[in-house]
Amino acid sequence: MKAVLCKAFGPAETLVLEEVAGPAIKKNEILLEVHAAGVNFPDTLIIEGKYQFKPPFPFSPGGEAAGVVLEVGEKVEHLKAGDRVMALTGWGSFAEQVAVPGYNVMPIPGGLDFTAAAAFGMTYGTSMHALKQRANLQPGETLLVLGASGGVGLAAVEIGKAMGARVIAAASSAEKLAVAKAAGADELINYSESSLKEEVKKLTGGQGADVIYDPVGGDLFDEAIRSIAWNGRLLVVGFASGRIPELPVNLCLLKGAAVVGVFWGSFAQRQPQDNAANFQQLFAWHAEGKLKPLVSQTFPLQQAAEAINALGQRKAVGKVVVQVR
């Protein structure tokens, strides 16, 4: 099979496409014929040795995929060969085949093609867990989404609206904000032109945002924590800006606020029943037309490095997908 390989930590340009042996599956795994693979921020980190997992060399990046089950291990009971599925792989999806633990695989519902399914799991799974389990977002609350045109940001905008919140989308350009507006955002903030803190104050009558969804970190986190409402919750989702911020904890004390970590991959493994319930709700909202995965760019397998760079350089809106077949 063909696979994109990382043989040493480095930039995306050092990845190579080679012919390798197909994977053998364990008793609890399925063999997936990959049709499409989603590109996510962890892919930009894992190839440079900056992610919390460091697979042995050589490995393929790619944390999620959609395709067809080729083979099923004897301990996997909910799937069979020929099923159309979406899978959370951690790494390995930028290849024609990948072995995946059965508990990380679920059937693709009707209405989702392979490309959309490959763009669905990680972003919507992360944002649903963040807003439901971690923030306990309530109808009528104000949700501020940073990086609102990116994959997880757009998912947070759509899920926030589906949960009945008033959504303020914040991004770095008018073009990105237009995408968030189309996804249902009620208010928009361009933080490259004005102060995030001051704009949030204006839009909330000085009260601040009840829930802040932050996949960006850096300077925006510093402003966001000062824009939070009494009893607010700031969700730490990621650090796309590159800087992990430090928190003056007196700001939490003064607002009775909570800063809450979001690690969906670990949640999905530790609380599989809750994760499954989240996806049943997500699939129901998708069927109702409330969730519309936006794939802005697709790349063939041989251009996987370009796909990773499109995301890593923060040029992409919505999701980037590698078309494997």
Protein backbone atom coordinates (compact mmCIF):
# COMPACT_ATOMS: atom_id res chain seq x y z
CA MET A 1 0.00 0.00 0.00
CA LYS A 2 1.01 3.65 -0.39
CA ALA A 3 1.64 5.66 2.76
CA VAL A 4 2.94 9.11 3.65
CA LEU A 5 5.77 8.54 6.11
CA CYS A 6 7.48 10.61 8.78
CA LYS A 7 10.96 9.11 9.21
CA ALA A 8 12.42 11.85 11.43
CA PHE A 9 10.88 14.81 13.22
CA GLY A 10 10.80 17.89 11.00
CA PRO A 11 8.61 20.12 8.82
CA ALA A 12 5.96 18.73 6.49
CA GLU A 13 8.34 19.01 3.53
CA THR A 14 10.37 16.11 4.95
CA LEU A 15 7.46 13.64 4.62
CA VAL A 16 7.81 11.00 1.90
CA LEU A 17 5.32 8.85 -0.03
CA GLU A 18 6.39 5.21 -0.21
CA GLU A 19 5.08 1.73 -0.88
CA VAL A 20 4.94 -0.26 2.39
CA ALA A 21 3.41 -3.48 3.67
CA GLY A 22 -0.19 -3.27 4.84
CA PRO A 23 -0.84 -3.43 8.59
CA ALA A 24 -1.78 -6.63 10.43
CA ILE A 25 -4.69 -6.22 12.84
CA LYS A 26 -4.99 -7.32 16.46
CA LYS A 27 -8.05 -9.07 17.89
CA ASN A 28 -9.65 -5.79 18.97
CA GLU A 29 -8.94 -3.92 15.70
CA ILE A 30 -10.39 -3.48 12.23
CA LEU A 31 -8.50 -2.96 8.98
CA LEU A 32 -9.75 0.21 7.31
CA GLU A 33 -9.47 0.95 3.60
CA VAL A 34 -9.00 4.71 3.81
CA HIS A 35 -10.92 6.85 1.32
CA ALA A 36 -10.42 10.25 2.97
CA ALA A 37 -8.43 11.55 5.94
CA GLY A 38 -9.07 14.75 7.89
CA VAL A 39 -6.21 17.12 8.61
CA ASN A 40 -6.09 18.52 12.15
CA PHE A 41 -3.81 20.73 14.21
CA PRO A 42 -2.19 17.75 16.00
CA ASP A 43 -0.87 16.61 12.59
CA THR A 44 1.25 19.77 12.43
CA LEU A 45 2.71 18.96 15.86
CA ILE A 46 3.18 15.18 15.73
CA ILE A 47 5.55 15.32 12.73
CA GLU A 48 7.81 17.76 14.61
CA GLY A 49 7.82 15.83 17.89
CA LYS A 50 5.75 18.51 19.65
CA TYR A 51 2.62 16.45 20.37
CA GLN A 52 1.89 14.48 23.56
CA PHE A 53 2.23 11.23 21.59
CA LYS A 54 5.46 10.33 19.77
CA PRO A 55 4.94 7.25 17.58
CA PRO A 56 7.96 5.11 16.63
CA PHE A 57 9.48 5.85 13.23
CA PRO A 58 8.47 5.52 10.51
CA PHE A 59 4.83 6.51 11.00
CA SER A 60 2.09 8.16 8.98
CA PRO A 61 0.39 11.27 10.35
CA GLY A 62 -3.37 11.62 10.10
CA GLY A 63 -5.61 11.35 13.16
CA GLU A 64 -8.98 10.61 11.59
CA ALA A 65 -10.24 8.80 8.52
CA ALA A 66 -13.32 7.57 6.70
CA GLY A 67 -13.54 4.52 4.50
CA VAL A 68 -14.62 0.88 4.28
CA VAL A 69 -13.93 -1.97 6.70
CA LEU A 70 -11.77 -4.64 5.01
CA GLU A 71 -11.24 -7.01 7.92
CA VAL A 72 -12.53 -7.36 11.49
CA GLY A 73 -10.68 -8.73 14.53
CA GLU A 74 -12.42 -11.52 16.44
CA LYS A 75 -13.19 -9.31 19.46
CA VAL A 76 -14.93 -6.59 17.41
CA GLU A 77 -18.69 -7.24 17.38
CA HIS A 78 -20.33 -4.02 16.17
CA LEU A 79 -18.70 -3.91 12.72
CA LYS A 80 -18.31 -6.16 9.68
CA ALA A 81 -16.38 -6.15 6.42
CA GLY A 82 -17.95 -3.74 3.92
CA ASP A 83 -19.25 -1.23 6.50
CA ARG A 84 -18.79 2.47 5.72
CA VAL A 85 -17.14 3.92 8.82
CA MET A 86 -15.37 6.91 10.34
CA ALA A 87 -12.44 6.34 12.68
CA LEU A 88 -10.26 8.16 15.19
CA THR A 89 -6.77 6.80 14.52
CA GLY A 90 -4.39 9.10 16.45
CA TRP A 91 -1.97 8.74 13.54
CA GLY A 92 -1.70 6.54 10.45
CA SER A 93 -4.56 7.83 8.29
CA PHE A 94 -2.41 9.31 5.52
CA ALA A 95 -2.15 5.84 4.01
CA GLU A 96 -4.28 3.51 1.91
CA GLN A 97 -4.93 1.24 4.92
CA VAL A 98 -4.78 1.64 8.69
CA ALA A 99 -5.46 -0.65 11.66
CA VAL A 100 -7.83 0.94 14.20
CA PRO A 101 -9.16 -0.25 17.60
CA GLY A 102 -12.82 -1.13 17.19
CA TYR A 103 -13.88 1.24 20.00
CA ASN A 104 -12.60 4.18 17.92
CA VAL A 105 -14.72 3.30 14.88
CA MET A 106 -18.37 4.08 14.19
CA PRO A 107 -20.66 3.65 11.17
CA ILE A 108 -21.13 6.67 8.92
CA PRO A 109 -24.74 7.86 9.04
CA GLY A 110 -26.71 8.47 5.87
CA GLY A 111 -26.15 11.88 4.32
CA LEU A 112 -22.40 11.97 4.98
CA ASP A 113 -20.00 11.07 2.18
CA PHE A 114 -16.44 9.94 2.92
CA THR A 115 -14.99 13.45 2.61
CA ALA A 116 -17.50 15.01 5.02
CA ALA A 117 -17.20 12.05 7.41
CA ALA A 118 -13.41 12.45 7.49
CA ALA A 119 -13.95 16.10 8.46
CA PHE A 120 -16.58 15.40 11.13
CA GLY A 121 -15.30 13.27 14.00
CA MET A 122 -12.49 15.21 15.62
CA THR A 123 -13.82 18.75 15.23
CA TYR A 124 -17.44 18.08 16.16
CA GLY A 125 -16.46 15.52 18.81
CA THR A 126 -14.11 18.01 20.45
CA SER A 127 -16.53 20.92 20.36
CA MET A 128 -19.50 18.88 21.58
CA HIS A 129 -17.53 17.52 24.53
CA ALA A 130 -16.21 21.01 25.30
CA LEU A 131 -19.60 22.72 25.29
CA LYS A 132 -21.61 19.93 26.89
CA GLN A 133 -19.48 18.08 29.43
CA ARG A 134 -16.85 20.74 30.17
CA ALA A 135 -18.79 24.03 29.95
CA ASN A 136 -22.36 22.84 30.58
CA LEU A 137 -23.50 25.52 28.13
CA GLN A 138 -27.10 26.58 28.79
CA PRO A 139 -29.75 28.03 26.46
CA GLY A 140 -29.61 31.83 26.50
CA GLU A 141 -25.98 32.02 27.61
CA THR A 142 -23.42 33.95 25.57
CA LEU A 143 -20.72 31.85 23.90
CA LEU A 144 -17.58 33.53 22.55
CA VAL A 145 -15.70 31.42 19.98
CA LEU A 146 -12.10 32.35 19.13
CA GLY A 147 -10.63 31.14 15.84
CA ALA A 148 -14.22 30.85 14.70
CA SER A 149 -13.49 30.02 11.06
CA GLY A 150 -11.26 27.00 11.77
CA GLY A 151 -12.45 23.41 11.98
CA VAL A 152 -13.16 23.22 15.71
CA GLY A 153 -14.23 26.88 15.83
CA LEU A 154 -16.89 26.51 13.16
CA ALA A 155 -18.12 23.33 14.84
CA ALA A 156 -18.39 25.25 18.13
CA VAL A 157 -20.41 28.01 16.44
CA GLU A 158 -22.88 25.50 14.99
CA ILE A 159 -23.17 23.41 18.16
CA GLY A 160 -23.53 26.52 20.31
CA LYS A 161 -26.47 27.66 18.19
CA ALA A 162 -28.00 24.17 18.30
CA MET A 163 -27.75 24.28 22.12
CA GLY A 164 -29.59 27.61 22.23
CA ALA A 165 -26.72 29.99 23.00
CA ARG A 166 -26.08 33.48 21.67
CA VAL A 167 -22.83 33.07 19.72
CA ILE A 168 -20.16 35.73 19.25
CA ALA A 169 -17.63 34.64 16.61
CA ALA A 170 -14.14 36.13 16.72
CA ALA A 171 -11.55 35.77 13.93
CA SER A 172 -8.69 37.64 12.28
CA SER A 173 -10.27 38.79 9.01
CA ALA A 174 -13.55 39.82 7.41
CA GLU A 175 -13.38 36.79 5.10
CA LYS A 176 -13.08 34.38 8.03
CA LEU A 177 -15.90 36.12 9.89
CA ALA A 178 -18.17 35.79 6.86
CA VAL A 179 -17.71 32.02 7.10
CA ALA A 180 -18.64 32.09 10.79
CA LYS A 181 -21.67 34.27 10.04
CA ALA A 182 -22.85 31.74 7.46
CA ALA A 183 -22.51 29.03 10.13
CA GLY A 184 -24.98 30.93 12.34
CA ALA A 185 -22.96 33.34 14.49
CA ASP A 186 -25.06 36.17 15.96
CA GLU A 187 -22.25 38.72 16.42
CA LEU A 188 -18.78 39.13 14.93
CA ILE A 189 -15.46 40.48 16.24
CA ASN A 190 -12.40 41.07 14.06
CA TYR A 191 -9.58 40.90 16.62
CA SER A 192 -6.96 42.06 14.13
CA GLU A 193 -8.68 45.46 14.00
CA SER A 194 -9.97 46.03 17.53
CA SER A 195 -9.58 44.91 21.13
CA LEU A 196 -11.27 41.58 21.83
CA LYS A 197 -11.88 42.60 25.44
CA GLU A 198 -13.50 45.94 24.55
CA GLU A 199 -15.67 44.46 21.78
CA VAL A 200 -16.95 41.68 24.05
CA LYS A 201 -17.82 44.29 26.69
CA LYS A 202 -19.77 46.31 24.12
CA LEU A 203 -21.69 43.28 22.86
CA THR A 204 -22.58 42.02 26.35
CA GLY A 205 -23.43 45.30 28.08
CA GLY A 206 -20.27 45.00 30.16
CA GLN A 207 -21.19 41.56 31.50
CA GLY A 208 -18.71 39.46 29.51
CA ALA A 209 -19.13 36.04 27.88
CA ASP A 210 -20.51 33.12 29.89
CA VAL A 211 -18.48 30.55 27.97
CA ILE A 212 -15.30 31.21 25.96
CA TYR A 213 -14.06 28.57 23.50
CA ASP A 214 -10.33 29.04 22.89
CA PRO A 215 -8.37 26.90 20.40
CA VAL A 216 -5.86 29.73 19.81
CA GLY A 217 -4.12 30.55 23.10
CA GLY A 218 -1.38 33.19 23.23
CA ASP A 219 -2.36 36.85 23.40
CA LEU A 220 -6.02 36.08 22.72
CA PHE A 221 -6.25 33.96 25.86
CA ASP A 222 -4.86 36.90 27.85
CA GLU A 223 -7.65 39.13 26.52
CA ALA A 224 -10.32 36.43 26.74
CA ILE A 225 -9.89 35.74 30.46
CA ARG A 226 -10.45 39.46 31.03
CA SER A 227 -13.65 39.25 28.94
CA ILE A 228 -15.33 36.53 30.99
CA ALA A 229 -18.62 36.89 32.84
CA TRP A 230 -19.27 36.19 36.50
CA ASN A 231 -19.36 32.38 36.92
CA GLY A 232 -17.96 32.05 33.38
CA ARG A 233 -16.06 29.07 31.92
CA LEU A 234 -13.04 29.44 29.63
CA LEU A 235 -12.38 26.30 27.58
CA VAL A 236 -8.72 25.54 26.82
CA VAL A 237 -8.92 23.66 23.51
CA GLY A 238 -5.53 24.29 21.90
CA PHE A 239 -2.71 26.67 21.09
CA ALA A 240 -2.84 27.41 17.36
CA SER A 241 -1.04 30.72 17.98
CA GLY A 242 2.03 28.79 19.09
CA ARG A 243 2.29 30.28 22.61
CA ILE A 244 0.94 28.46 25.65
CA PRO A 245 -0.32 31.29 27.88
CA GLU A 246 0.15 31.66 31.62
CA LEU A 247 -2.80 32.50 33.85
CA PRO A 248 -2.91 35.11 36.65
CA VAL A 249 -5.27 33.09 38.84
CA ASN A 250 -6.58 36.18 40.64
CA LEU A 251 -8.64 36.81 37.49
CA CYS A 252 -10.50 33.55 38.13
CA LEU A 253 -11.06 34.52 41.76
CA LEU A 254 -12.47 37.96 40.91
CA LYS A 255 -15.00 36.57 38.41
CA GLY A 256 -15.77 33.29 40.18
CA ALA A 257 -14.68 31.83 36.85
CA ALA A 258 -13.30 28.44 35.81
CA VAL A 259 -10.59 27.65 33.27
CA VAL A 260 -11.34 24.17 31.99
CA GLY A 261 -9.17 21.82 29.94
CA VAL A 262 -10.62 19.98 26.94
CA PHE A 263 -8.99 16.72 25.80
CA TRP A 264 -11.58 14.94 23.69
CA GLY A 265 -9.40 11.97 22.70
CA SER A 266 -8.91 10.96 26.33
CA PHE A 267 -12.60 11.59 27.10
CA ALA A 268 -13.65 9.31 24.22
CA GLN A 269 -11.55 6.47 25.66
CA ARG A 270 -12.43 7.02 29.32
CA GLN A 271 -16.16 7.74 28.82
CA PRO A 272 -17.13 5.86 25.65
CA GLN A 273 -20.85 5.80 26.45
CA ASP A 274 -20.96 9.58 26.92
CA ASN A 275 -19.00 10.06 23.72
CA ALA A 276 -21.40 7.77 21.83
CA ALA A 277 -24.36 9.76 23.16
CA ASN A 278 -22.69 12.97 22.02
CA PHE A 279 -22.37 11.60 18.49
CA GLN A 280 -25.97 10.42 18.40
CA GLN A 281 -26.99 14.02 19.11
CA LEU A 282 -24.50 15.38 16.55
CA PHE A 283 -25.79 13.00 13.86
CA ALA A 284 -29.37 14.01 14.69
CA TRP A 285 -28.50 17.71 14.35
CA HIS A 286 -26.73 16.97 11.05
CA ALA A 287 -29.85 15.20 9.75
CA GLU A 288 -31.88 18.28 10.74
CA GLY A 289 -29.50 20.54 8.77
CA LYS A 290 -28.10 22.28 11.86
CA LEU A 291 -24.54 21.04 11.27
CA LYS A 292 -22.90 21.43 7.86
CA PRO A 293 -19.23 20.35 7.79
CA LEU A 294 -17.26 22.81 5.66
CA VAL A 295 -14.39 21.27 3.68
CA SER A 296 -12.60 24.20 2.09
CA GLN A 297 -9.68 22.33 0.50
CA THR A 298 -8.88 18.77 -0.55
CA PHE A 299 -5.45 17.39 -1.51
CA PRO A 300 -4.40 14.06 -3.04
CA LEU A 301 -2.29 11.73 -0.89
CA GLN A 302 0.95 12.77 -2.62
CA GLN A 303 0.29 16.38 -1.53
CA ALA A 304 -0.27 15.58 2.17
CA ALA A 305 2.58 17.93 3.14
CA GLU A 306 0.80 20.83 1.43
CA ALA A 307 -2.40 19.93 3.26
CA ILE A 308 -0.62 20.01 6.63
CA ASN A 309 1.01 23.34 5.80
CA ALA A 310 -2.32 24.86 4.74
CA LEU A 311 -3.55 24.19 8.25
CA GLY A 312 -0.33 24.89 10.14
CA GLN A 313 0.06 28.31 8.53
CA ARG A 314 -3.51 29.17 9.62
CA LYS A 315 -4.62 29.80 6.04
CA ALA A 316 -7.49 27.34 6.04
CA VAL A 317 -11.15 27.90 6.83
CA GLY A 318 -13.23 24.94 7.90
CA LYS A 319 -11.55 21.59 7.34
CA VAL A 320 -8.77 20.38 5.03
CA VAL A 321 -9.07 16.78 3.81
CA VAL A 322 -6.61 14.42 2.13
CA GLN A 323 -8.30 12.34 -0.57
CA VAL A 324 -6.66 8.94 -0.40
CA ARG A 325 -8.88 7.24 -3.01
